[in-house]
């Protein structure tokens, strides 16, 4: 560990794992590479030593409609396994987990339960709603419904394209009470995440 820059005094401090789930493929995760820097500074300021590591991630929305969905639930186990492996192999004293979407949140919860050390969750936050070119509010659920309407003939291609291009206007977990937002909110109720974990919009100063 001295090769990583640790000094004599660091070995008497608690070692904190920072489990990040940054991945450029997922709208709710592509910005999570910026979050750990803030967290690690706070860890150091409180007399501990942070070590960041990463997990994989699968976006259920992108995996939907083809055999990619076969990998969604197994990815949860891989995430739990990776957290358990890194935390236990290196005997880290506590963990900060940074999830946001789909099976990544429960996967990190399962990993935290396995290692049984003090853990706090800091999720990336939900996505802002979008608006059509006419100003009507839309979100991911609108896009799902639009596909059905288009297939049925109740919506033309231009209207569908408008919704496709504007339903998800920013980074964040999909706007709707799907797995991501329900789990991120549930963690607040469980007392393992800070207030606002499931409700403060992603990519905002808060």
N, C-alpha and C. Protein backbone atom coordinates (compact mmCIF):
# COMPACT_ATOMS: atom_id res chain seq x y z
N UNK A 1 0.82 -1.22 0.00
CA UNK A 1 0.00 0.00 0.00
C UNK A 1 0.85 1.27 0.00
N UNK A 2 2.09 1.15 0.41
CA UNK A 2 2.96 2.34 0.32
C UNK A 2 3.14 2.75 -1.14
N UNK A 3 3.06 1.77 -2.04
CA UNK A 3 3.19 2.08 -3.47
C UNK A 3 2.05 2.96 -3.97
N UNK A 4 0.92 2.94 -3.27
CA UNK A 4 -0.22 3.78 -3.66
C UNK A 4 -0.13 5.19 -3.07
N UNK A 5 0.89 5.43 -2.25
CA UNK A 5 1.08 6.76 -1.69
C UNK A 5 0.80 6.88 -0.21
N UNK A 6 0.47 5.77 0.45
CA UNK A 6 0.18 5.83 1.89
C UNK A 6 1.45 6.10 2.70
N UNK A 7 1.28 6.84 3.79
CA UNK A 7 2.37 7.17 4.71
C UNK A 7 2.18 6.43 6.02
N UNK A 8 3.18 6.50 6.89
CA UNK A 8 3.14 5.78 8.17
C UNK A 8 1.85 6.06 8.93
N UNK A 9 1.48 7.33 9.00
CA UNK A 9 0.32 7.71 9.81
C UNK A 9 -1.00 7.18 9.24
N UNK A 10 -1.02 6.85 7.96
CA UNK A 10 -2.26 6.38 7.34
C UNK A 10 -2.66 4.98 7.82
N UNK A 11 -1.69 4.20 8.24
CA UNK A 11 -1.99 2.82 8.61
C UNK A 11 -2.73 2.69 9.94
N UNK A 12 -2.82 3.78 10.67
CA UNK A 12 -3.59 3.78 11.92
C UNK A 12 -5.01 4.32 11.71
N UNK A 13 -5.34 4.69 10.48
CA UNK A 13 -6.65 5.26 10.17
C UNK A 13 -7.58 4.19 9.59
N UNK A 14 -8.89 4.36 9.75
CA UNK A 14 -9.83 3.44 9.10
C UNK A 14 -9.71 3.52 7.57
N UNK A 15 -9.78 2.37 6.92
CA UNK A 15 -9.76 2.29 5.46
C UNK A 15 -11.21 2.19 4.96
N UNK A 16 -11.60 3.11 4.10
CA UNK A 16 -12.98 3.18 3.63
C UNK A 16 -13.06 2.85 2.14
N UNK A 17 -13.84 1.83 1.80
CA UNK A 17 -14.06 1.51 0.40
C UNK A 17 -15.11 2.44 -0.20
N UNK A 18 -14.82 2.95 -1.38
CA UNK A 18 -15.78 3.79 -2.11
C UNK A 18 -16.18 3.02 -3.36
N UNK A 19 -17.32 2.34 -3.28
CA UNK A 19 -17.77 1.47 -4.37
C UNK A 19 -18.56 2.29 -5.39
N UNK A 20 -17.95 2.54 -6.52
CA UNK A 20 -18.60 3.35 -7.55
C UNK A 20 -19.15 2.46 -8.65
N UNK A 21 -20.19 2.94 -9.33
CA UNK A 21 -20.78 2.17 -10.43
C UNK A 21 -20.81 3.01 -11.71
N UNK A 22 -19.79 3.84 -11.87
CA UNK A 22 -19.66 4.67 -13.07
C UNK A 22 -19.54 3.79 -14.31
N UNK A 23 -20.35 4.10 -15.32
CA UNK A 23 -20.25 3.44 -16.62
C UNK A 23 -20.85 4.39 -17.65
N UNK A 24 -20.17 4.58 -18.75
CA UNK A 24 -20.60 5.57 -19.74
C UNK A 24 -21.86 5.16 -20.49
N UNK A 25 -22.22 3.88 -20.46
CA UNK A 25 -23.38 3.38 -21.19
C UNK A 25 -24.72 3.76 -20.58
N UNK A 26 -24.76 4.03 -19.30
CA UNK A 26 -26.02 4.18 -18.57
C UNK A 26 -26.31 5.66 -18.27
N UNK A 27 -27.46 6.18 -18.71
CA UNK A 27 -27.79 7.59 -18.47
C UNK A 27 -27.74 8.00 -17.00
N UNK A 28 -28.03 7.08 -16.11
CA UNK A 28 -27.99 7.40 -14.69
C UNK A 28 -26.63 7.25 -14.05
N UNK A 29 -25.62 6.87 -14.85
CA UNK A 29 -24.30 6.57 -14.29
C UNK A 29 -23.13 7.26 -14.99
N UNK A 30 -23.35 7.83 -16.17
CA UNK A 30 -22.21 8.35 -16.93
C UNK A 30 -21.52 9.52 -16.23
N UNK A 31 -22.16 10.15 -15.27
CA UNK A 31 -21.60 11.29 -14.55
C UNK A 31 -21.07 10.91 -13.17
N UNK A 32 -21.17 9.64 -12.81
CA UNK A 32 -20.77 9.23 -11.46
C UNK A 32 -19.26 9.22 -11.26
N UNK A 33 -18.49 9.42 -12.32
CA UNK A 33 -17.04 9.52 -12.15
C UNK A 33 -16.65 10.78 -11.40
N UNK A 34 -17.55 11.77 -11.35
CA UNK A 34 -17.25 13.03 -10.68
C UNK A 34 -17.63 13.01 -9.20
N UNK A 35 -18.47 12.08 -8.80
CA UNK A 35 -18.99 12.06 -7.43
C UNK A 35 -17.94 11.61 -6.40
N UNK A 36 -17.14 10.58 -6.67
CA UNK A 36 -16.21 10.09 -5.64
C UNK A 36 -15.20 11.12 -5.16
N UNK A 37 -14.78 12.05 -6.01
CA UNK A 37 -13.80 13.04 -5.58
C UNK A 37 -14.30 13.83 -4.39
N UNK A 38 -15.58 14.20 -4.41
CA UNK A 38 -16.18 14.94 -3.30
C UNK A 38 -16.22 14.07 -2.05
N UNK A 39 -16.64 12.83 -2.23
CA UNK A 39 -16.76 11.91 -1.10
C UNK A 39 -15.40 11.61 -0.49
N UNK A 40 -14.40 11.39 -1.33
CA UNK A 40 -13.07 11.03 -0.81
C UNK A 40 -12.43 12.18 -0.05
N UNK A 41 -12.69 13.40 -0.48
CA UNK A 41 -12.17 14.56 0.26
C UNK A 41 -12.78 14.62 1.66
N UNK A 42 -14.08 14.33 1.76
CA UNK A 42 -14.75 14.33 3.06
C UNK A 42 -14.23 13.20 3.94
N UNK A 43 -13.97 12.05 3.33
CA UNK A 43 -13.41 10.92 4.09
C UNK A 43 -12.05 11.29 4.67
N UNK A 44 -11.20 11.91 3.86
CA UNK A 44 -9.88 12.32 4.33
C UNK A 44 -9.99 13.39 5.42
N UNK A 45 -10.92 14.32 5.25
CA UNK A 45 -11.11 15.39 6.22
C UNK A 45 -11.55 14.87 7.57
N UNK A 46 -12.15 13.67 7.57
CA UNK A 46 -12.61 13.06 8.82
C UNK A 46 -11.66 11.98 9.33
N UNK A 47 -10.42 12.02 8.89
CA UNK A 47 -9.38 11.17 9.45
C UNK A 47 -9.36 9.74 8.97
N UNK A 48 -9.89 9.49 7.78
CA UNK A 48 -9.90 8.13 7.23
C UNK A 48 -9.20 8.12 5.87
N UNK A 49 -8.99 6.92 5.35
CA UNK A 49 -8.32 6.76 4.05
C UNK A 49 -9.28 6.12 3.06
N UNK A 50 -9.61 6.80 1.96
CA UNK A 50 -10.54 6.23 0.97
C UNK A 50 -9.83 5.41 -0.10
N UNK A 51 -10.51 4.37 -0.55
CA UNK A 51 -10.04 3.58 -1.68
C UNK A 51 -11.22 3.35 -2.62
N UNK A 52 -11.16 3.94 -3.80
CA UNK A 52 -12.26 3.78 -4.75
C UNK A 52 -12.08 2.52 -5.58
N UNK A 53 -13.18 1.81 -5.80
CA UNK A 53 -13.19 0.69 -6.74
C UNK A 53 -14.52 0.69 -7.47
N UNK A 54 -14.60 -0.06 -8.55
CA UNK A 54 -15.78 0.00 -9.41
C UNK A 54 -16.50 -1.34 -9.54
N UNK A 55 -17.76 -1.26 -9.90
CA UNK A 55 -18.55 -2.44 -10.22
C UNK A 55 -19.01 -2.32 -11.67
N UNK A 56 -19.60 -3.39 -12.19
CA UNK A 56 -20.20 -3.32 -13.52
C UNK A 56 -21.59 -2.70 -13.40
N UNK A 57 -22.26 -2.53 -14.52
CA UNK A 57 -23.63 -2.04 -14.51
C UNK A 57 -24.36 -2.44 -15.78
N UNK A 58 -25.65 -2.72 -15.66
CA UNK A 58 -26.50 -3.03 -16.81
C UNK A 58 -27.71 -2.10 -16.77
N UNK A 59 -28.03 -1.49 -17.89
CA UNK A 59 -29.20 -0.62 -17.99
C UNK A 59 -30.37 -1.44 -18.52
N UNK A 60 -31.38 -1.64 -17.68
CA UNK A 60 -32.53 -2.46 -18.08
C UNK A 60 -33.25 -1.89 -19.29
N UNK A 61 -33.30 -0.57 -19.40
CA UNK A 61 -33.98 0.05 -20.53
C UNK A 61 -33.29 -0.25 -21.85
N UNK A 62 -31.96 -0.25 -21.85
CA UNK A 62 -31.21 -0.55 -23.06
C UNK A 62 -31.20 -2.05 -23.33
N UNK A 63 -31.23 -2.85 -22.27
CA UNK A 63 -31.21 -4.31 -22.42
C UNK A 63 -32.58 -4.87 -22.81
N UNK A 64 -33.61 -4.04 -22.75
CA UNK A 64 -34.98 -4.50 -22.99
C UNK A 64 -35.25 -4.77 -24.47
N UNK A 65 -36.07 -5.78 -24.74
CA UNK A 65 -36.50 -6.04 -26.10
C UNK A 65 -35.60 -6.96 -26.89
N UNK A 66 -34.56 -7.49 -26.27
CA UNK A 66 -33.67 -8.45 -26.92
C UNK A 66 -33.06 -9.33 -25.83
N UNK A 67 -32.16 -10.23 -26.20
CA UNK A 67 -31.65 -11.18 -25.20
C UNK A 67 -30.70 -10.54 -24.19
N UNK A 68 -30.44 -9.25 -24.33
CA UNK A 68 -29.66 -8.56 -23.32
C UNK A 68 -30.31 -8.59 -21.95
N UNK A 69 -31.65 -8.72 -21.93
CA UNK A 69 -32.36 -8.74 -20.66
C UNK A 69 -32.02 -9.98 -19.85
N UNK A 70 -31.47 -11.00 -20.49
CA UNK A 70 -31.05 -12.20 -19.77
C UNK A 70 -29.89 -11.90 -18.82
N UNK A 71 -29.23 -10.77 -19.02
CA UNK A 71 -28.07 -10.43 -18.21
C UNK A 71 -28.39 -9.46 -17.08
N UNK A 72 -29.63 -8.97 -17.04
CA UNK A 72 -29.99 -7.96 -16.04
C UNK A 72 -29.92 -8.50 -14.62
N UNK A 73 -30.69 -9.53 -14.34
CA UNK A 73 -30.70 -10.07 -12.97
C UNK A 73 -29.36 -10.67 -12.57
N UNK A 74 -28.68 -11.44 -13.45
CA UNK A 74 -27.35 -11.94 -13.07
C UNK A 74 -26.36 -10.82 -12.75
N UNK A 75 -26.54 -9.65 -13.37
CA UNK A 75 -25.62 -8.54 -13.09
C UNK A 75 -25.70 -8.11 -11.63
N UNK A 76 -26.88 -8.25 -11.04
CA UNK A 76 -27.05 -7.92 -9.61
C UNK A 76 -26.14 -8.78 -8.75
N UNK A 77 -26.07 -10.07 -9.08
CA UNK A 77 -25.22 -10.98 -8.31
C UNK A 77 -23.75 -10.65 -8.51
N UNK A 78 -23.37 -10.30 -9.75
CA UNK A 78 -21.98 -9.95 -10.02
C UNK A 78 -21.57 -8.70 -9.24
N UNK A 79 -22.47 -7.75 -9.14
CA UNK A 79 -22.19 -6.53 -8.38
C UNK A 79 -22.01 -6.86 -6.90
N UNK A 80 -22.92 -7.64 -6.36
CA UNK A 80 -22.80 -8.05 -4.95
C UNK A 80 -21.51 -8.82 -4.73
N UNK A 81 -21.19 -9.72 -5.65
CA UNK A 81 -19.96 -10.51 -5.53
C UNK A 81 -18.72 -9.64 -5.57
N UNK A 82 -18.71 -8.65 -6.47
CA UNK A 82 -17.52 -7.80 -6.60
C UNK A 82 -17.30 -6.96 -5.35
N UNK A 83 -18.38 -6.45 -4.78
CA UNK A 83 -18.25 -5.68 -3.55
C UNK A 83 -17.77 -6.56 -2.41
N UNK A 84 -18.38 -7.73 -2.28
CA UNK A 84 -17.96 -8.67 -1.24
C UNK A 84 -16.49 -9.04 -1.41
N UNK A 85 -16.07 -9.26 -2.63
CA UNK A 85 -14.69 -9.67 -2.91
C UNK A 85 -13.70 -8.58 -2.54
N UNK A 86 -13.91 -7.37 -3.04
CA UNK A 86 -12.97 -6.28 -2.78
C UNK A 86 -12.93 -5.91 -1.30
N UNK A 87 -14.10 -5.78 -0.69
CA UNK A 87 -14.15 -5.37 0.71
C UNK A 87 -13.52 -6.41 1.64
N UNK A 88 -13.85 -7.68 1.42
CA UNK A 88 -13.33 -8.73 2.31
C UNK A 88 -11.88 -9.07 2.02
N UNK A 89 -11.49 -9.06 0.74
CA UNK A 89 -10.10 -9.39 0.40
C UNK A 89 -9.12 -8.38 0.99
N UNK A 90 -9.56 -7.13 1.12
CA UNK A 90 -8.67 -6.09 1.61
C UNK A 90 -9.02 -5.62 3.02
N UNK A 91 -10.00 -6.27 3.63
CA UNK A 91 -10.39 -5.99 5.02
C UNK A 91 -10.63 -4.50 5.26
N UNK A 92 -11.42 -3.90 4.39
CA UNK A 92 -11.76 -2.49 4.56
C UNK A 92 -12.76 -2.33 5.69
N UNK A 93 -12.70 -1.19 6.37
CA UNK A 93 -13.44 -0.99 7.61
C UNK A 93 -14.87 -0.49 7.43
N UNK A 94 -15.14 0.17 6.33
CA UNK A 94 -16.48 0.73 6.07
C UNK A 94 -16.59 1.00 4.58
N UNK A 95 -17.80 1.38 4.15
CA UNK A 95 -18.00 1.56 2.71
C UNK A 95 -18.97 2.70 2.43
N UNK A 96 -18.67 3.45 1.38
CA UNK A 96 -19.60 4.38 0.77
C UNK A 96 -19.96 3.79 -0.59
N UNK A 97 -21.24 3.56 -0.86
CA UNK A 97 -21.66 2.98 -2.13
C UNK A 97 -22.32 4.05 -2.99
N UNK A 98 -21.98 4.05 -4.28
CA UNK A 98 -22.52 5.04 -5.21
C UNK A 98 -23.24 4.31 -6.34
N UNK A 99 -24.51 3.97 -6.12
CA UNK A 99 -25.31 3.34 -7.18
C UNK A 99 -26.24 4.37 -7.82
N UNK A 100 -27.18 3.90 -8.62
CA UNK A 100 -28.27 4.77 -9.07
C UNK A 100 -29.39 4.00 -9.75
N UNK A 101 -29.07 3.07 -10.65
CA UNK A 101 -30.12 2.52 -11.51
C UNK A 101 -30.33 1.01 -11.37
N UNK A 102 -31.54 0.60 -11.66
CA UNK A 102 -31.93 -0.79 -11.92
C UNK A 102 -31.36 -1.77 -10.89
N UNK A 103 -30.72 -2.84 -11.35
CA UNK A 103 -30.24 -3.89 -10.43
C UNK A 103 -28.97 -3.49 -9.70
N UNK A 104 -28.40 -2.35 -10.06
CA UNK A 104 -27.16 -1.90 -9.43
C UNK A 104 -27.41 -1.53 -7.97
N UNK A 105 -28.54 -0.90 -7.70
CA UNK A 105 -28.86 -0.51 -6.32
C UNK A 105 -29.04 -1.75 -5.43
N UNK A 106 -29.93 -2.68 -5.77
CA UNK A 106 -30.05 -3.87 -4.91
C UNK A 106 -28.78 -4.70 -4.87
N UNK A 107 -28.01 -4.71 -5.97
CA UNK A 107 -26.75 -5.45 -5.97
C UNK A 107 -25.79 -4.90 -4.94
N UNK A 108 -25.73 -3.57 -4.83
CA UNK A 108 -24.85 -2.95 -3.85
C UNK A 108 -25.37 -3.16 -2.43
N UNK A 109 -26.69 -3.16 -2.26
CA UNK A 109 -27.26 -3.45 -0.94
C UNK A 109 -26.90 -4.86 -0.52
N UNK A 110 -27.05 -5.82 -1.43
CA UNK A 110 -26.70 -7.21 -1.12
C UNK A 110 -25.23 -7.33 -0.76
N UNK A 111 -24.37 -6.63 -1.50
CA UNK A 111 -22.94 -6.66 -1.19
C UNK A 111 -22.65 -6.09 0.18
N UNK A 112 -23.33 -4.99 0.52
CA UNK A 112 -23.14 -4.38 1.84
C UNK A 112 -23.59 -5.32 2.96
N UNK A 113 -24.70 -6.02 2.74
CA UNK A 113 -25.18 -6.97 3.75
C UNK A 113 -24.18 -8.10 3.96
N UNK A 114 -23.55 -8.53 2.90
CA UNK A 114 -22.59 -9.64 3.01
C UNK A 114 -21.35 -9.25 3.80
N UNK A 115 -20.85 -8.03 3.59
CA UNK A 115 -19.60 -7.65 4.26
C UNK A 115 -19.85 -7.14 5.67
N UNK A 116 -21.08 -6.65 5.94
CA UNK A 116 -21.47 -6.28 7.30
C UNK A 116 -20.52 -5.29 7.95
N UNK A 117 -20.27 -4.19 7.26
CA UNK A 117 -19.50 -3.08 7.83
C UNK A 117 -20.36 -1.81 7.71
N UNK A 118 -20.05 -0.77 8.48
CA UNK A 118 -20.83 0.47 8.34
C UNK A 118 -20.83 0.95 6.89
N UNK A 119 -22.03 1.22 6.36
CA UNK A 119 -22.16 1.59 4.95
C UNK A 119 -23.17 2.72 4.78
N UNK A 120 -22.83 3.66 3.93
CA UNK A 120 -23.74 4.75 3.57
C UNK A 120 -23.87 4.76 2.05
N UNK A 121 -25.10 4.93 1.57
CA UNK A 121 -25.36 4.98 0.13
C UNK A 121 -25.54 6.43 -0.33
N UNK A 122 -24.89 6.76 -1.42
CA UNK A 122 -25.01 8.09 -2.02
C UNK A 122 -25.35 7.88 -3.49
N UNK A 123 -26.62 7.93 -3.82
CA UNK A 123 -27.06 7.65 -5.19
C UNK A 123 -26.93 8.88 -6.08
N UNK A 124 -26.93 8.62 -7.40
CA UNK A 124 -26.72 9.71 -8.35
C UNK A 124 -27.89 10.65 -8.52
N UNK A 125 -29.10 10.19 -8.19
CA UNK A 125 -30.28 11.05 -8.29
C UNK A 125 -31.10 10.80 -9.54
N UNK A 126 -32.39 11.16 -9.49
CA UNK A 126 -33.29 10.93 -10.63
C UNK A 126 -33.11 11.94 -11.76
N UNK A 127 -33.53 11.53 -12.93
CA UNK A 127 -33.48 12.36 -14.14
C UNK A 127 -34.59 13.41 -14.13
N UNK A 128 -34.31 14.54 -14.73
CA UNK A 128 -35.35 15.55 -14.91
C UNK A 128 -36.37 15.08 -15.94
N UNK A 129 -37.59 15.57 -15.82
CA UNK A 129 -38.59 15.26 -16.85
C UNK A 129 -38.26 16.04 -18.12
N UNK A 130 -38.79 15.56 -19.23
CA UNK A 130 -38.59 16.25 -20.49
C UNK A 130 -39.83 16.99 -20.93
N UNK A 131 -39.75 17.62 -22.08
CA UNK A 131 -40.90 18.33 -22.66
C UNK A 131 -40.89 18.12 -24.17
N UNK A 132 -42.07 17.95 -24.73
CA UNK A 132 -42.18 17.89 -26.19
C UNK A 132 -41.89 19.26 -26.77
N UNK A 133 -41.79 19.34 -28.09
CA UNK A 133 -41.54 20.64 -28.72
C UNK A 133 -42.69 21.61 -28.50
N UNK A 134 -43.86 21.08 -28.11
CA UNK A 134 -45.02 21.93 -27.79
C UNK A 134 -45.08 22.29 -26.31
N UNK A 135 -44.11 21.77 -25.52
CA UNK A 135 -44.05 22.11 -24.11
C UNK A 135 -44.76 21.16 -23.17
N UNK A 136 -45.30 20.07 -23.69
CA UNK A 136 -45.99 19.11 -22.82
C UNK A 136 -44.96 18.29 -22.03
N UNK A 137 -45.19 18.09 -20.71
CA UNK A 137 -44.24 17.31 -19.91
C UNK A 137 -44.27 15.82 -20.30
N UNK A 138 -43.11 15.23 -20.42
CA UNK A 138 -42.99 13.81 -20.76
C UNK A 138 -41.85 13.19 -19.96
N UNK A 139 -41.85 11.86 -19.88
CA UNK A 139 -40.76 11.15 -19.22
C UNK A 139 -40.60 9.78 -19.88
N UNK A 140 -39.85 8.90 -19.24
CA UNK A 140 -39.58 7.60 -19.85
C UNK A 140 -40.86 6.80 -20.07
N UNK A 141 -41.79 6.88 -19.11
CA UNK A 141 -43.06 6.15 -19.26
C UNK A 141 -43.80 6.63 -20.51
N UNK A 142 -43.70 7.92 -20.79
CA UNK A 142 -44.32 8.46 -22.01
C UNK A 142 -43.72 7.80 -23.25
N UNK A 143 -42.40 7.59 -23.21
CA UNK A 143 -41.73 6.96 -24.35
C UNK A 143 -42.19 5.51 -24.52
N UNK A 144 -42.31 4.79 -23.40
CA UNK A 144 -42.80 3.41 -23.48
C UNK A 144 -44.19 3.36 -24.12
N UNK A 145 -45.06 4.25 -23.64
CA UNK A 145 -46.43 4.28 -24.15
C UNK A 145 -46.48 4.71 -25.62
N UNK A 146 -45.56 5.59 -26.00
CA UNK A 146 -45.54 6.09 -27.37
C UNK A 146 -45.22 4.99 -28.37
N UNK A 147 -44.35 4.07 -27.98
CA UNK A 147 -44.02 2.95 -28.87
C UNK A 147 -45.27 2.14 -29.18
N UNK A 148 -46.06 1.86 -28.13
CA UNK A 148 -47.30 1.12 -28.32
C UNK A 148 -48.29 1.87 -29.19
N UNK A 149 -48.39 3.17 -28.96
CA UNK A 149 -49.32 3.99 -29.76
C UNK A 149 -48.89 4.02 -31.23
N UNK A 150 -47.58 4.08 -31.45
CA UNK A 150 -47.08 4.10 -32.83
C UNK A 150 -47.37 2.78 -33.53
N UNK A 151 -47.13 1.68 -32.82
CA UNK A 151 -47.39 0.36 -33.41
C UNK A 151 -48.88 0.18 -33.72
N UNK A 152 -49.71 0.78 -32.89
CA UNK A 152 -51.16 0.67 -33.06
C UNK A 152 -51.69 1.62 -34.14
N UNK A 153 -50.88 2.59 -34.50
CA UNK A 153 -51.30 3.56 -35.50
C UNK A 153 -51.92 4.82 -34.94
N UNK A 154 -51.82 4.99 -33.60
CA UNK A 154 -52.40 6.17 -32.95
C UNK A 154 -51.42 7.34 -32.87
N UNK A 155 -50.21 7.15 -33.37
CA UNK A 155 -49.20 8.21 -33.31
C UNK A 155 -48.33 8.12 -34.57
N UNK A 156 -47.99 9.26 -35.15
CA UNK A 156 -47.15 9.22 -36.34
C UNK A 156 -45.67 9.23 -35.97
N UNK A 157 -44.80 9.03 -36.96
CA UNK A 157 -43.37 8.89 -36.71
C UNK A 157 -42.75 10.18 -36.19
N UNK A 158 -43.25 11.32 -36.64
CA UNK A 158 -42.73 12.60 -36.18
C UNK A 158 -43.02 12.81 -34.69
N UNK A 159 -44.23 12.46 -34.27
CA UNK A 159 -44.59 12.59 -32.85
C UNK A 159 -43.76 11.64 -32.00
N UNK A 160 -43.55 10.42 -32.50
CA UNK A 160 -42.72 9.45 -31.79
C UNK A 160 -41.29 9.95 -31.65
N UNK A 161 -40.75 10.50 -32.72
CA UNK A 161 -39.38 11.03 -32.70
C UNK A 161 -39.24 12.17 -31.71
N UNK A 162 -40.24 13.02 -31.62
CA UNK A 162 -40.25 14.14 -30.68
C UNK A 162 -40.14 13.62 -29.25
N UNK A 163 -40.91 12.60 -28.94
CA UNK A 163 -40.88 12.02 -27.59
C UNK A 163 -39.54 11.32 -27.35
N UNK A 164 -39.08 10.56 -28.34
CA UNK A 164 -37.80 9.85 -28.20
C UNK A 164 -36.65 10.80 -27.88
N UNK A 165 -36.62 11.93 -28.56
CA UNK A 165 -35.50 12.86 -28.42
C UNK A 165 -35.59 13.74 -27.18
N UNK A 166 -36.75 13.81 -26.54
CA UNK A 166 -36.93 14.76 -25.44
C UNK A 166 -37.39 14.16 -24.12
N UNK A 167 -37.71 12.87 -24.10
CA UNK A 167 -38.24 12.26 -22.87
C UNK A 167 -37.20 12.15 -21.77
N UNK A 168 -35.94 11.98 -22.15
CA UNK A 168 -34.86 11.81 -21.16
C UNK A 168 -33.80 12.87 -21.43
N UNK A 169 -34.00 14.09 -20.92
CA UNK A 169 -33.17 15.23 -21.31
C UNK A 169 -31.84 15.36 -20.58
N UNK A 170 -31.61 14.55 -19.55
CA UNK A 170 -30.40 14.74 -18.75
C UNK A 170 -29.98 13.42 -18.13
N UNK A 171 -28.84 13.45 -17.45
CA UNK A 171 -28.41 12.28 -16.71
C UNK A 171 -29.30 12.06 -15.50
N UNK A 172 -29.31 10.82 -15.00
CA UNK A 172 -30.09 10.49 -13.82
C UNK A 172 -30.85 9.20 -14.01
N UNK A 173 -31.34 8.67 -12.91
CA UNK A 173 -32.15 7.46 -12.99
C UNK A 173 -33.49 7.80 -13.64
N UNK A 174 -34.05 6.85 -14.37
CA UNK A 174 -35.26 7.10 -15.17
C UNK A 174 -36.38 7.69 -14.31
N UNK A 175 -36.98 8.77 -14.81
CA UNK A 175 -38.02 9.47 -14.04
C UNK A 175 -39.30 8.64 -14.02
N UNK A 176 -39.54 8.01 -12.90
CA UNK A 176 -40.68 7.12 -12.70
C UNK A 176 -40.36 6.21 -11.53
N UNK A 177 -41.37 5.66 -10.89
CA UNK A 177 -41.11 4.79 -9.73
C UNK A 177 -40.82 3.37 -10.19
N UNK A 178 -39.72 3.24 -10.92
CA UNK A 178 -39.22 1.93 -11.32
C UNK A 178 -38.24 1.47 -10.24
N UNK A 179 -37.46 0.44 -10.52
CA UNK A 179 -36.54 -0.10 -9.51
C UNK A 179 -35.62 0.96 -8.94
N UNK A 180 -35.02 1.76 -9.81
CA UNK A 180 -34.01 2.72 -9.37
C UNK A 180 -34.54 3.70 -8.34
N UNK A 181 -35.57 4.45 -8.69
CA UNK A 181 -36.07 5.49 -7.79
C UNK A 181 -36.76 4.91 -6.56
N UNK A 182 -37.44 3.77 -6.72
CA UNK A 182 -38.08 3.16 -5.55
C UNK A 182 -37.03 2.67 -4.57
N UNK A 183 -35.95 2.05 -5.07
CA UNK A 183 -34.90 1.56 -4.17
C UNK A 183 -34.11 2.71 -3.55
N UNK A 184 -33.82 3.75 -4.33
CA UNK A 184 -33.09 4.89 -3.78
C UNK A 184 -33.89 5.60 -2.70
N UNK A 185 -35.21 5.66 -2.86
CA UNK A 185 -36.07 6.25 -1.84
C UNK A 185 -36.19 5.33 -0.63
N UNK A 186 -36.30 4.04 -0.89
CA UNK A 186 -36.40 3.06 0.19
C UNK A 186 -35.17 3.11 1.10
N UNK A 187 -34.00 3.35 0.52
CA UNK A 187 -32.78 3.40 1.33
C UNK A 187 -32.82 4.54 2.34
N UNK A 188 -33.49 5.64 1.98
CA UNK A 188 -33.67 6.72 2.95
C UNK A 188 -34.48 6.22 4.14
N UNK A 189 -35.59 5.52 3.85
CA UNK A 189 -36.45 5.00 4.92
C UNK A 189 -35.71 3.97 5.77
N UNK A 190 -34.80 3.23 5.16
CA UNK A 190 -34.02 2.22 5.88
C UNK A 190 -32.93 2.85 6.74
N UNK A 191 -32.65 4.12 6.50
CA UNK A 191 -31.62 4.80 7.29
C UNK A 191 -30.21 4.55 6.81
N UNK A 192 -30.04 4.08 5.57
CA UNK A 192 -28.69 3.81 5.07
C UNK A 192 -28.29 4.80 3.97
N UNK A 193 -29.10 5.84 3.78
CA UNK A 193 -28.78 6.89 2.82
C UNK A 193 -29.20 8.23 3.40
N UNK A 194 -28.55 9.28 2.95
CA UNK A 194 -28.86 10.61 3.46
C UNK A 194 -30.21 11.09 2.93
N UNK A 195 -30.87 12.01 3.65
CA UNK A 195 -32.14 12.58 3.15
C UNK A 195 -31.96 13.19 1.76
N UNK A 196 -32.91 12.93 0.90
CA UNK A 196 -32.83 13.43 -0.47
C UNK A 196 -32.16 12.47 -1.42
N UNK A 197 -31.70 11.33 -0.91
CA UNK A 197 -30.99 10.36 -1.75
C UNK A 197 -31.81 9.94 -2.97
N UNK A 198 -33.11 9.80 -2.79
CA UNK A 198 -33.95 9.34 -3.90
C UNK A 198 -34.74 10.42 -4.59
N UNK A 199 -34.58 11.67 -4.15
CA UNK A 199 -35.45 12.73 -4.68
C UNK A 199 -34.71 13.94 -5.25
N UNK A 200 -33.48 14.18 -4.84
CA UNK A 200 -32.73 15.33 -5.37
C UNK A 200 -32.28 15.00 -6.79
N UNK A 201 -32.62 15.85 -7.74
CA UNK A 201 -32.32 15.60 -9.14
C UNK A 201 -30.83 15.47 -9.39
N UNK A 202 -30.47 14.57 -10.30
CA UNK A 202 -29.08 14.43 -10.71
C UNK A 202 -28.60 15.69 -11.40
N UNK A 203 -27.28 15.90 -11.36
CA UNK A 203 -26.63 17.01 -12.05
C UNK A 203 -27.14 18.37 -11.60
N UNK A 204 -27.55 18.47 -10.34
CA UNK A 204 -27.91 19.76 -9.74
C UNK A 204 -26.94 20.02 -8.59
N UNK A 205 -26.76 21.28 -8.18
CA UNK A 205 -25.81 21.59 -7.11
C UNK A 205 -26.07 20.83 -5.82
N UNK A 206 -27.35 20.57 -5.50
CA UNK A 206 -27.67 19.84 -4.28
C UNK A 206 -27.04 18.46 -4.29
